[in-house]
N, C-alpha and C. Protein backbone atom coordinates (compact mmCIF):
# COMPACT_ATOMS: atom_id res chain seq x y z
N MET A 1 -7.21 -19.86 25.41
CA MET A 1 -7.78 -18.52 25.14
C MET A 1 -6.59 -17.76 25.76
N THR A 2 -6.41 -16.58 24.86
CA THR A 2 -5.28 -15.61 24.94
C THR A 2 -5.65 -14.68 26.25
N HIS A 3 -4.29 -14.37 26.92
CA HIS A 3 -4.77 -13.46 28.16
C HIS A 3 -5.24 -12.05 27.68
N PRO A 4 -5.89 -11.47 28.06
CA PRO A 4 -6.24 -9.90 27.94
C PRO A 4 -5.25 -9.10 27.85
N HIS A 5 -4.11 -9.22 28.51
CA HIS A 5 -2.96 -8.36 28.36
C HIS A 5 -2.27 -8.57 27.11
N GLU A 6 -2.22 -9.87 26.78
CA GLU A 6 -1.33 -10.24 25.52
C GLU A 6 -2.19 -9.43 24.49
N GLU A 7 -3.43 -9.76 24.22
CA GLU A 7 -4.57 -9.14 23.15
C GLU A 7 -4.36 -7.76 23.31
N TYR A 8 -4.32 -6.93 24.31
CA TYR A 8 -4.28 -5.60 24.36
C TYR A 8 -2.77 -5.06 23.96
N ARG A 9 -1.72 -5.89 24.23
CA ARG A 9 -0.64 -5.50 23.63
C ARG A 9 -0.51 -5.79 21.82
N HIS A 10 -0.97 -6.93 21.61
CA HIS A 10 -1.15 -7.14 20.19
C HIS A 10 -1.91 -6.01 19.42
N MET A 11 -3.14 -5.94 19.90
CA MET A 11 -3.74 -4.62 19.46
C MET A 11 -2.97 -3.43 19.19
N LYS A 12 -2.12 -3.02 20.36
CA LYS A 12 -1.45 -1.74 20.69
C LYS A 12 -0.57 -1.98 19.04
N ALA A 13 0.13 -3.15 18.99
CA ALA A 13 1.35 -3.10 18.25
C ALA A 13 0.70 -3.04 16.65
N LEU A 14 -0.66 -3.50 16.44
CA LEU A 14 -1.01 -3.39 15.15
C LEU A 14 -1.77 -1.98 14.87
N LYS A 15 -2.05 -1.18 15.85
CA LYS A 15 -2.43 0.28 15.72
C LYS A 15 -0.97 1.05 15.50
N ARG A 16 -0.03 0.98 16.10
CA ARG A 16 1.07 1.59 15.87
C ARG A 16 1.75 1.18 14.20
N HIS A 17 1.60 -0.03 13.97
CA HIS A 17 1.77 -0.28 12.53
C HIS A 17 0.90 0.33 11.70
N ASN A 18 -0.45 0.28 11.83
CA ASN A 18 -1.15 1.16 10.87
C ASN A 18 -1.02 2.58 10.97
N ASP A 19 -0.73 3.11 12.28
CA ASP A 19 -0.47 4.56 12.16
C ASP A 19 0.89 4.89 11.46
N MET A 20 1.85 3.95 11.38
CA MET A 20 3.13 4.39 10.79
C MET A 20 2.72 4.19 9.20
N LEU A 21 1.91 3.21 8.85
CA LEU A 21 1.43 3.23 7.09
C LEU A 21 0.77 4.70 6.71
N GLY A 22 0.02 4.99 7.63
CA GLY A 22 -0.47 6.53 7.42
C GLY A 22 0.26 7.68 7.43
N PHE A 23 1.35 7.56 8.42
CA PHE A 23 2.43 8.77 8.38
C PHE A 23 3.37 8.66 7.05
N VAL A 24 3.61 7.47 6.72
CA VAL A 24 4.46 7.24 5.24
C VAL A 24 3.56 7.84 4.39
N ALA A 25 2.23 7.30 4.08
CA ALA A 25 1.35 7.96 2.97
C ALA A 25 1.19 9.16 2.77
N ASP A 26 1.09 9.84 4.12
CA ASP A 26 0.92 11.28 4.18
C ASP A 26 2.24 12.20 4.08
N ALA A 27 3.39 11.40 4.30
CA ALA A 27 4.52 12.39 4.35
C ALA A 27 5.16 12.04 2.77
N GLU A 28 4.68 11.23 1.79
CA GLU A 28 5.45 11.23 0.59
C GLU A 28 5.08 12.03 -0.47
N TYR A 29 5.33 13.42 -0.11
CA TYR A 29 5.34 14.56 -1.17
C TYR A 29 6.53 15.14 -0.87
N ASP A 30 7.03 16.05 -1.87
CA ASP A 30 8.27 16.87 -2.03
C ASP A 30 9.43 15.86 -1.86
N VAL A 31 10.60 16.51 -1.67
CA VAL A 31 11.74 15.80 -1.76
C VAL A 31 12.03 15.36 -0.06
N PRO A 32 12.05 14.13 0.09
CA PRO A 32 12.05 13.57 1.49
C PRO A 32 13.58 13.99 2.12
N THR A 33 13.48 14.46 3.44
CA THR A 33 14.62 14.68 4.34
C THR A 33 14.90 13.67 5.04
N LYS A 34 13.86 13.16 5.62
CA LYS A 34 13.91 12.05 6.61
C LYS A 34 12.80 11.00 6.28
N CYS A 35 12.92 9.70 6.86
CA CYS A 35 11.94 8.73 6.70
C CYS A 35 11.18 9.05 8.10
N PRO A 36 9.82 8.59 7.98
CA PRO A 36 9.11 8.41 9.12
C PRO A 36 9.58 7.74 10.46
N CYS A 37 10.70 6.37 9.77
CA CYS A 37 11.12 5.48 11.04
C CYS A 37 12.36 6.24 11.46
N GLY A 38 12.61 7.46 11.04
CA GLY A 38 13.86 7.92 11.74
C GLY A 38 15.17 8.06 10.97
N GLY A 39 15.17 7.02 9.89
CA GLY A 39 16.42 6.96 8.96
C GLY A 39 16.64 7.84 7.97
N GLY A 40 18.00 8.15 7.51
CA GLY A 40 18.28 9.26 6.63
C GLY A 40 17.77 8.83 5.50
N ILE A 41 17.96 9.74 4.36
CA ILE A 41 17.64 9.40 3.16
C ILE A 41 18.66 9.61 2.19
N ASN A 42 18.92 8.57 1.12
CA ASN A 42 19.93 8.62 0.45
C ASN A 42 19.37 8.77 -1.19
N PRO A 43 20.11 9.30 -1.86
CA PRO A 43 19.62 9.39 -3.38
C PRO A 43 20.26 8.15 -3.88
N GLU A 44 19.73 7.44 -4.90
CA GLU A 44 20.11 6.14 -5.06
C GLU A 44 19.75 6.07 -6.56
N VAL A 45 20.51 5.14 -7.66
CA VAL A 45 20.13 4.90 -8.91
C VAL A 45 20.04 3.37 -8.98
N SER A 46 18.73 3.14 -9.67
CA SER A 46 18.50 1.71 -9.79
C SER A 46 19.41 1.03 -11.02
N LEU A 47 20.16 -0.13 -10.57
CA LEU A 47 20.91 -0.62 -11.47
C LEU A 47 20.52 -2.00 -12.20
N CYS A 48 19.35 -2.40 -11.53
CA CYS A 48 18.95 -3.73 -12.31
C CYS A 48 17.69 -3.00 -12.91
N ASN A 49 17.11 -4.25 -13.90
CA ASN A 49 15.99 -4.28 -14.52
C ASN A 49 14.95 -5.09 -14.08
N MET A 50 14.45 -4.87 -12.77
CA MET A 50 13.48 -5.75 -12.32
C MET A 50 12.24 -6.29 -13.20
N PHE A 51 11.73 -5.34 -13.73
CA PHE A 51 10.72 -5.61 -14.57
C PHE A 51 10.44 -4.87 -15.69
N PRO A 52 11.16 -5.67 -16.74
CA PRO A 52 11.70 -5.01 -18.01
C PRO A 52 10.34 -4.04 -18.76
N ASN A 53 9.05 -4.39 -18.61
CA ASN A 53 7.95 -3.87 -19.08
C ASN A 53 7.40 -2.64 -18.39
N ASP A 54 8.14 -2.26 -17.16
CA ASP A 54 7.51 -1.41 -16.11
C ASP A 54 8.59 -0.21 -16.11
N PHE A 55 8.01 0.96 -16.86
CA PHE A 55 8.72 1.91 -16.62
C PHE A 55 9.48 2.58 -15.81
N ASP A 56 8.77 2.40 -14.52
CA ASP A 56 9.11 3.01 -13.31
C ASP A 56 10.41 1.96 -12.72
N THR A 57 10.60 1.08 -13.05
CA THR A 57 11.69 0.19 -12.57
C THR A 57 12.69 0.05 -13.62
N GLN A 58 12.87 0.80 -14.56
CA GLN A 58 13.95 0.65 -15.88
C GLN A 58 15.16 0.85 -15.09
N PRO A 59 16.44 0.33 -15.55
CA PRO A 59 17.72 0.64 -15.00
C PRO A 59 18.06 2.06 -14.97
N GLU A 60 18.63 2.71 -14.13
CA GLU A 60 19.28 4.02 -14.03
C GLU A 60 18.12 5.00 -13.64
N ARG A 61 17.14 4.61 -13.35
CA ARG A 61 16.15 5.24 -12.45
C ARG A 61 16.74 5.89 -11.32
N ARG A 62 16.18 7.20 -10.90
CA ARG A 62 16.71 7.80 -9.53
C ARG A 62 15.59 7.79 -8.69
N TYR A 63 15.98 7.45 -7.39
CA TYR A 63 15.14 7.42 -6.35
C TYR A 63 15.93 7.88 -4.99
N PHE A 64 14.84 8.52 -3.83
CA PHE A 64 15.32 9.03 -2.50
C PHE A 64 14.97 7.73 -1.95
N THR A 65 15.87 7.19 -1.42
CA THR A 65 15.50 5.82 -0.49
C THR A 65 16.09 5.94 0.77
N CYS A 66 15.25 5.40 1.78
CA CYS A 66 15.57 5.43 3.51
C CYS A 66 16.89 4.59 3.33
N LYS A 67 17.63 4.94 4.36
CA LYS A 67 18.86 4.17 4.44
C LYS A 67 18.30 2.56 5.21
N ASN A 68 17.50 2.64 5.63
CA ASN A 68 17.08 1.47 6.24
C ASN A 68 15.91 1.07 5.61
N PHE A 69 15.65 0.90 4.12
CA PHE A 69 14.67 0.33 3.43
C PHE A 69 14.38 -0.91 3.50
N GLU A 70 13.17 -1.16 3.81
CA GLU A 70 12.72 -2.70 3.66
C GLU A 70 11.33 -2.49 2.87
N ASN A 71 11.07 -3.46 2.07
CA ASN A 71 9.82 -3.10 1.21
C ASN A 71 8.60 -3.66 2.39
N ASP A 72 8.17 -3.12 3.34
CA ASP A 72 7.16 -3.37 4.04
C ASP A 72 6.03 -2.17 4.29
N GLY A 73 6.34 -1.08 3.39
CA GLY A 73 5.50 0.03 3.31
C GLY A 73 5.80 1.21 4.59
N LEU A 74 6.64 0.85 5.38
CA LEU A 74 6.86 1.79 6.43
C LEU A 74 8.15 2.72 5.82
N HIS A 75 8.88 2.39 4.85
CA HIS A 75 10.02 3.56 4.63
C HIS A 75 9.94 3.93 3.23
N PHE A 76 10.81 5.07 3.12
CA PHE A 76 10.38 5.82 1.85
C PHE A 76 11.22 5.02 0.78
N ARG A 77 10.74 5.13 -0.48
CA ARG A 77 11.50 4.80 -1.87
C ARG A 77 10.65 5.65 -2.74
N THR A 78 10.95 6.83 -2.89
CA THR A 78 10.16 7.86 -3.98
C THR A 78 11.15 8.04 -5.10
N LEU A 79 10.41 7.87 -6.23
CA LEU A 79 10.98 8.30 -7.38
C LEU A 79 11.40 9.60 -7.37
N TRP A 80 12.74 9.95 -8.05
CA TRP A 80 13.44 11.34 -7.77
C TRP A 80 12.39 12.18 -8.69
N VAL A 81 12.01 11.83 -9.85
CA VAL A 81 10.98 12.77 -10.82
C VAL A 81 10.01 13.24 -10.23
N PHE A 82 9.41 12.59 -9.22
CA PHE A 82 8.20 12.71 -8.62
C PHE A 82 8.21 13.75 -7.60
N ALA A 83 9.37 13.38 -6.89
CA ALA A 83 9.62 14.31 -5.65
C ALA A 83 9.97 15.72 -6.36
N ILE A 84 11.09 15.63 -7.34
CA ILE A 84 11.17 16.71 -7.70
C ILE A 84 10.21 17.80 -8.22
N GLU A 85 9.40 17.10 -9.26
CA GLU A 85 8.09 17.71 -9.51
C GLU A 85 7.07 18.18 -8.50
N ASP A 86 7.03 17.56 -7.37
CA ASP A 86 6.40 18.13 -6.21
C ASP A 86 6.79 19.56 -5.72
N GLU A 87 7.99 19.46 -5.73
CA GLU A 87 8.98 20.45 -4.98
C GLU A 87 8.86 21.83 -5.94
N VAL A 88 8.76 21.44 -7.10
CA VAL A 88 8.50 22.49 -8.30
C VAL A 88 7.52 23.33 -8.04
N THR A 89 6.44 22.32 -8.25
CA THR A 89 5.17 22.85 -7.96
C THR A 89 4.82 23.62 -6.76
N LYS A 90 5.27 23.21 -5.46
CA LYS A 90 5.12 23.87 -4.44
C LYS A 90 6.06 25.37 -4.52
N LEU A 91 7.17 25.36 -5.06
CA LEU A 91 8.17 26.39 -5.09
C LEU A 91 7.33 27.50 -6.06
N VAL A 92 6.67 27.06 -7.39
CA VAL A 92 6.03 27.92 -8.14
C VAL A 92 4.68 28.38 -7.53
N ARG A 93 4.13 27.80 -6.41
CA ARG A 93 2.99 28.32 -5.86
C ARG A 93 3.25 29.37 -4.91
N ARG A 94 4.43 29.13 -4.25
CA ARG A 94 5.05 30.19 -3.32
C ARG A 94 5.53 31.41 -4.00
N VAL A 95 5.97 31.39 -5.07
CA VAL A 95 6.56 32.51 -5.95
C VAL A 95 5.11 33.31 -6.37
N GLU A 96 4.21 32.79 -6.87
CA GLU A 96 3.00 33.36 -7.15
C GLU A 96 2.28 34.19 -5.74
N GLU A 97 2.46 33.47 -4.67
CA GLU A 97 1.70 34.18 -3.56
C GLU A 97 2.53 35.40 -3.23
N MET A 98 4.01 35.06 -3.56
CA MET A 98 4.85 36.46 -3.14
C MET A 98 4.48 37.49 -4.23
N ALA A 99 4.24 37.04 -5.41
CA ALA A 99 4.14 38.16 -6.15
C ALA A 99 2.87 38.89 -6.26
N GLU A 100 2.02 38.08 -5.47
CA GLU A 100 0.57 38.87 -5.23
C GLU A 100 0.67 39.76 -4.06
N GLU A 101 1.57 39.18 -2.93
CA GLU A 101 1.93 40.12 -1.59
C GLU A 101 2.78 41.25 -2.32
N ILE A 102 3.58 41.21 -2.92
CA ILE A 102 4.18 42.49 -3.48
C ILE A 102 3.49 43.28 -4.34
N ASP A 103 2.47 42.99 -4.99
CA ASP A 103 1.81 43.70 -5.77
C ASP A 103 0.62 44.57 -4.65
N ARG A 104 0.32 43.69 -3.84
CA ARG A 104 -0.84 44.43 -2.79
C ARG A 104 0.03 45.38 -2.12
N LEU A 105 1.42 45.22 -1.57
CA LEU A 105 2.23 46.10 -0.94
C LEU A 105 2.60 47.33 -1.56
N LYS A 106 2.75 47.18 -3.05
CA LYS A 106 3.07 48.24 -3.98
C LYS A 106 1.67 49.23 -4.10
N SER A 107 0.51 48.54 -4.17
CA SER A 107 -0.61 49.37 -4.03
C SER A 107 -0.72 50.34 -2.87
N GLN A 108 -0.33 49.48 -1.75
CA GLN A 108 -0.75 50.26 -0.46
C GLN A 108 0.51 51.30 -0.31
N LEU A 109 1.63 51.35 -0.96
CA LEU A 109 2.51 52.31 -0.78
C LEU A 109 2.21 53.54 -1.59
N TYR A 110 1.85 53.10 -2.80
CA TYR A 110 1.33 53.91 -3.81
C TYR A 110 0.17 54.78 -3.32
N GLN A 111 -0.84 54.33 -2.45
CA GLN A 111 -1.79 54.98 -1.76
C GLN A 111 -1.38 56.05 -0.76
N LEU A 112 -0.20 55.74 -0.05
CA LEU A 112 -0.07 56.41 0.91
C LEU A 112 0.95 57.72 0.40
N HIS A 113 1.49 57.49 -0.77
CA HIS A 113 2.53 58.53 -1.32
C HIS A 113 1.53 59.48 -2.33
N HIS A 114 0.11 58.92 -2.48
CA HIS A 114 -0.46 59.71 -3.82
C HIS A 114 -2.11 59.78 -3.19
N PRO A 115 -2.44 60.40 -2.11
CA PRO A 115 -3.48 60.36 -1.47
C PRO A 115 -4.64 60.94 -2.43
């Protein structure tokens, strides 16, 4: 029979692991600047053709990869095109919000000068 302290320690380790998986899944949007493990992000170009029929693993595909990357689900390895697409979408949304704010401020300014 396992000692209760060992069971508790094991349960806490599993919880930390599951929490980390959640953090990675939640953070995989936009261009990553840092991996949840604390490692830096390096731009990388795939040199090999791991799976010839899989478009995502064709040679010369660009990735943002954690410098401590291990294929355990706890580190980032994001396709460059998806990260850039997320970033552009976010920027377009922000520009639209700013345009709406400018229109609102113009309207307020016009009402102040032309009562």
